[in-house]
Amino acid sequence: MTHSRQPAYDAVFAVIRREPSNVFENARVWRAVEAALNAMNVPSDYPPTGVRLTGELARIGGNSGHGYAWRRPDGDMAKCGGPGVCEECSYDQQLVDEGRRAS
C-alpha cells in the first residue's frame, strides 16, 4: 500500500537533496508541505486502522519520535529536517515501512 502523501514527500526530498540548506529551512519546507496536504484534505493514512502494532513498532502514531514519519497526537515536530537528514527520523521512517509490510 502506497501512502497517499508519498508523491509530495518524494518531491520534497528531491528539492532538499538538490538544494541543500540548513535544518531550519528544511523543517520550514516540511511544515509547509504538511499544511498544504492538510488544506487539500489529503489523508494521512498511517497507521492503518485495525492493525495492532507491537514491540518497537507500537511507537508509531504516538508521542514519540520527531513528528515527521508520523503525526504526533500532541502536534510536536522537531526542527531537524526529517528522514534522510536526521538519524532518529530515518529510524522512525524505517519503523513505519516495517509496519506497512507487517499489515
C-alpha atoms as a PDB file:
ATOM      1  CA  MET A   1       0.000   0.000   0.000  1.00  0.00           C
ATOM      2  CA  THR A   2       1.409   3.370  -1.020  1.00  0.00           C
ATOM      3  CA  HIS A   3       0.954   6.253   1.367  1.00  0.00           C
ATOM      4  CA  SER A   4      -1.332   8.882  -0.193  1.00  0.00           C
ATOM      5  CA  ARG A   5       1.141  11.620   0.696  1.00  0.00           C
ATOM      6  CA  GLN A   6       4.208   9.826  -0.673  1.00  0.00           C
ATOM      7  CA  PRO A   7       4.410  11.738  -4.003  1.00  0.00           C
ATOM      8  CA  ALA A   8       4.568  15.031  -2.102  1.00  0.00           C
ATOM      9  CA  TYR A   9       7.209  13.649   0.264  1.00  0.00           C
ATOM     10  CA  ASP A  10       9.281  12.387  -2.681  1.00  0.00           C
ATOM     11  CA  ALA A  11       9.139  15.834  -4.280  1.00  0.00           C
ATOM     12  CA  VAL A  12      10.303  17.494  -1.050  1.00  0.00           C
ATOM     13  CA  PHE A  13      13.212  15.068  -0.698  1.00  0.00           C
ATOM     14  CA  ALA A  14      14.227  15.766  -4.306  1.00  0.00           C
ATOM     15  CA  VAL A  15      14.288  19.516  -3.683  1.00  0.00           C
ATOM     16  CA  ILE A  16      16.164  19.204  -0.385  1.00  0.00           C
ATOM     17  CA  ARG A  17      18.770  16.918  -1.942  1.00  0.00           C
ATOM     18  CA  ARG A  18      19.166  19.169  -4.985  1.00  0.00           C
ATOM     19  CA  GLU A  19      19.330  22.402  -2.998  1.00  0.00           C
ATOM     20  CA  PRO A  20      20.934  21.604   0.358  1.00  0.00           C
ATOM     21  CA  SER A  21      20.068  24.010   3.136  1.00  0.00           C
ATOM     22  CA  ASN A  22      20.166  24.121   6.895  1.00  0.00           C
ATOM     23  CA  VAL A  23      17.939  22.146   9.221  1.00  0.00           C
ATOM     24  CA  PHE A  24      15.675  25.095   9.983  1.00  0.00           C
ATOM     25  CA  GLU A  25      14.931  25.760   6.307  1.00  0.00           C
ATOM     26  CA  ASN A  26      14.248  22.055   5.730  1.00  0.00           C
ATOM     27  CA  ALA A  27      11.858  21.983   8.694  1.00  0.00           C
ATOM     28  CA  ARG A  28      10.041  25.021   7.316  1.00  0.00           C
ATOM     29  CA  VAL A  29       9.599  23.250   3.954  1.00  0.00           C
ATOM     30  CA  TRP A  30       8.218  20.130   5.663  1.00  0.00           C
ATOM     31  CA  ARG A  31       5.762  22.166   7.728  1.00  0.00           C
ATOM     32  CA  ALA A  32       4.575  23.985   4.607  1.00  0.00           C
ATOM     33  CA  VAL A  33       4.071  20.722   2.716  1.00  0.00           C
ATOM     34  CA  GLU A  34       2.148  19.171   5.620  1.00  0.00           C
ATOM     35  CA  ALA A  35      -0.024  22.295   5.892  1.00  0.00           C
ATOM     36  CA  ALA A  36      -0.749  22.205   2.139  1.00  0.00           C
ATOM     37  CA  LEU A  37      -1.613  18.497   2.212  1.00  0.00           C
ATOM     38  CA  ASN A  38      -3.886  19.057   5.221  1.00  0.00           C
ATOM     39  CA  ALA A  39      -5.580  22.004   3.496  1.00  0.00           C
ATOM     40  CA  MET A  40      -6.242  19.813   0.448  1.00  0.00           C
ATOM     41  CA  ASN A  41      -7.625  17.063   2.725  1.00  0.00           C
ATOM     42  CA  VAL A  42      -5.069  14.515   1.542  1.00  0.00           C
ATOM     43  CA  PRO A  43      -5.498  11.703   4.065  1.00  0.00           C
ATOM     44  CA  SER A  44      -2.697  10.856   6.422  1.00  0.00           C
ATOM     45  CA  ASP A  45      -3.486   7.172   6.173  1.00  0.00           C
ATOM     46  CA  TYR A  46      -0.933   5.655   8.501  1.00  0.00           C
ATOM     47  CA  PRO A  47      -1.118   3.726  10.723  1.00  0.00           C
ATOM     48  CA  PRO A  48      -3.876   1.710   9.070  1.00  0.00           C
ATOM     49  CA  THR A  49      -6.964   1.098  11.141  1.00  0.00           C
ATOM     50  CA  GLY A  50      -7.457  -2.355  12.609  1.00  0.00           C
ATOM     51  CA  VAL A  51      -3.738  -3.184  12.716  1.00  0.00           C
ATOM     52  CA  ARG A  52      -2.249  -3.636  16.175  1.00  0.00           C
ATOM     53  CA  LEU A  53       1.463  -2.919  16.123  1.00  0.00           C
ATOM     54  CA  THR A  54       3.609  -4.453  18.852  1.00  0.00           C
ATOM     55  CA  GLY A  55       7.099  -4.003  20.238  1.00  0.00           C
ATOM     56  CA  GLU A  56       9.116  -1.100  18.856  1.00  0.00           C
ATOM     57  CA  LEU A  57       6.523  -0.660  16.090  1.00  0.00           C
ATOM     58  CA  ALA A  58       3.997   0.352  18.769  1.00  0.00           C
ATOM     59  CA  ARG A  59       5.760   3.758  18.882  1.00  0.00           C
ATOM     60  CA  ILE A  60       4.192   4.601  15.523  1.00  0.00           C
ATOM     61  CA  GLY A  61       1.431   7.153  15.858  1.00  0.00           C
ATOM     62  CA  GLY A  62       2.282   8.068  19.440  1.00  0.00           C
ATOM     63  CA  ASN A  63       4.008  11.000  21.088  1.00  0.00           C
ATOM     64  CA  SER A  64       7.465   9.608  20.390  1.00  0.00           C
ATOM     65  CA  GLY A  65       9.784  10.359  17.511  1.00  0.00           C
ATOM     66  CA  HIS A  66      10.327  13.718  15.878  1.00  0.00           C
ATOM     67  CA  GLY A  67       6.938  14.016  14.161  1.00  0.00           C
ATOM     68  CA  TYR A  68       7.993  13.507  10.531  1.00  0.00           C
ATOM     69  CA  ALA A  69       7.467   9.778   9.984  1.00  0.00           C
ATOM     70  CA  TRP A  70       4.049  10.047  11.674  1.00  0.00           C
ATOM     71  CA  ARG A  71       1.956  12.897  13.002  1.00  0.00           C
ATOM     72  CA  ARG A  72       2.250  13.017  16.767  1.00  0.00           C
ATOM     73  CA  PRO A  73      -1.038  13.404  18.689  1.00  0.00           C
ATOM     74  CA  ASP A  74       0.490  16.312  20.633  1.00  0.00           C
ATOM     75  CA  GLY A  75       1.389  18.098  17.373  1.00  0.00           C
ATOM     76  CA  ASP A  76       5.087  18.427  18.216  1.00  0.00           C
ATOM     77  CA  MET A  77       7.595  18.331  15.373  1.00  0.00           C
ATOM     78  CA  ALA A  78      11.357  18.612  15.728  1.00  0.00           C
ATOM     79  CA  LYS A  79      13.274  21.169  13.686  1.00  0.00           C
ATOM     80  CA  CYS A  80      15.671  18.550  12.361  1.00  0.00           C
ATOM     81  CA  GLY A  81      14.773  18.205   8.688  1.00  0.00           C
ATOM     82  CA  GLY A  82      13.131  14.792   8.808  1.00  0.00           C
ATOM     83  CA  PRO A  83      14.088  11.403   7.369  1.00  0.00           C
ATOM     84  CA  GLY A  84      17.219  11.412   5.254  1.00  0.00           C
ATOM     85  CA  VAL A  85      18.590  14.326   7.264  1.00  0.00           C
ATOM     86  CA  CYS A  86      18.024  13.250  10.861  1.00  0.00           C
ATOM     87  CA  GLU A  87      19.143   9.858  12.188  1.00  0.00           C
ATOM     88  CA  GLU A  88      16.175   9.449  14.553  1.00  0.00           C
ATOM     89  CA  CYS A  89      13.660  10.419  11.849  1.00  0.00           C
ATOM     90  CA  SER A  90      15.282   7.968   9.438  1.00  0.00           C
ATOM     91  CA  TYR A  91      14.882   5.240  12.059  1.00  0.00           C
ATOM     92  CA  ASP A  92      11.251   6.238  12.632  1.00  0.00           C
ATOM     93  CA  GLN A  93      10.602   6.065   8.886  1.00  0.00           C
ATOM     94  CA  GLN A  94      12.173   2.603   8.849  1.00  0.00           C
ATOM     95  CA  LEU A  95       9.710   1.559  11.574  1.00  0.00           C
ATOM     96  CA  VAL A  96       6.806   2.918   9.530  1.00  0.00           C
ATOM     97  CA  ASP A  97       7.961   0.970   6.478  1.00  0.00           C
ATOM     98  CA  GLU A  98       8.265  -2.208   8.580  1.00  0.00           C
ATOM     99  CA  GLY A  99       4.779  -1.605   9.983  1.00  0.00           C
ATOM    100  CA  ARG A 100       3.350  -1.289   6.479  1.00  0.00           C
ATOM    101  CA  ARG A 101       4.954  -4.582   5.476  1.00  0.00           C
ATOM    102  CA  ALA A 102       3.540  -6.210   8.643  1.00  0.00           C
ATOM    103  CA  SER A 103      -0.003  -5.031   7.914  1.00  0.00           C
END
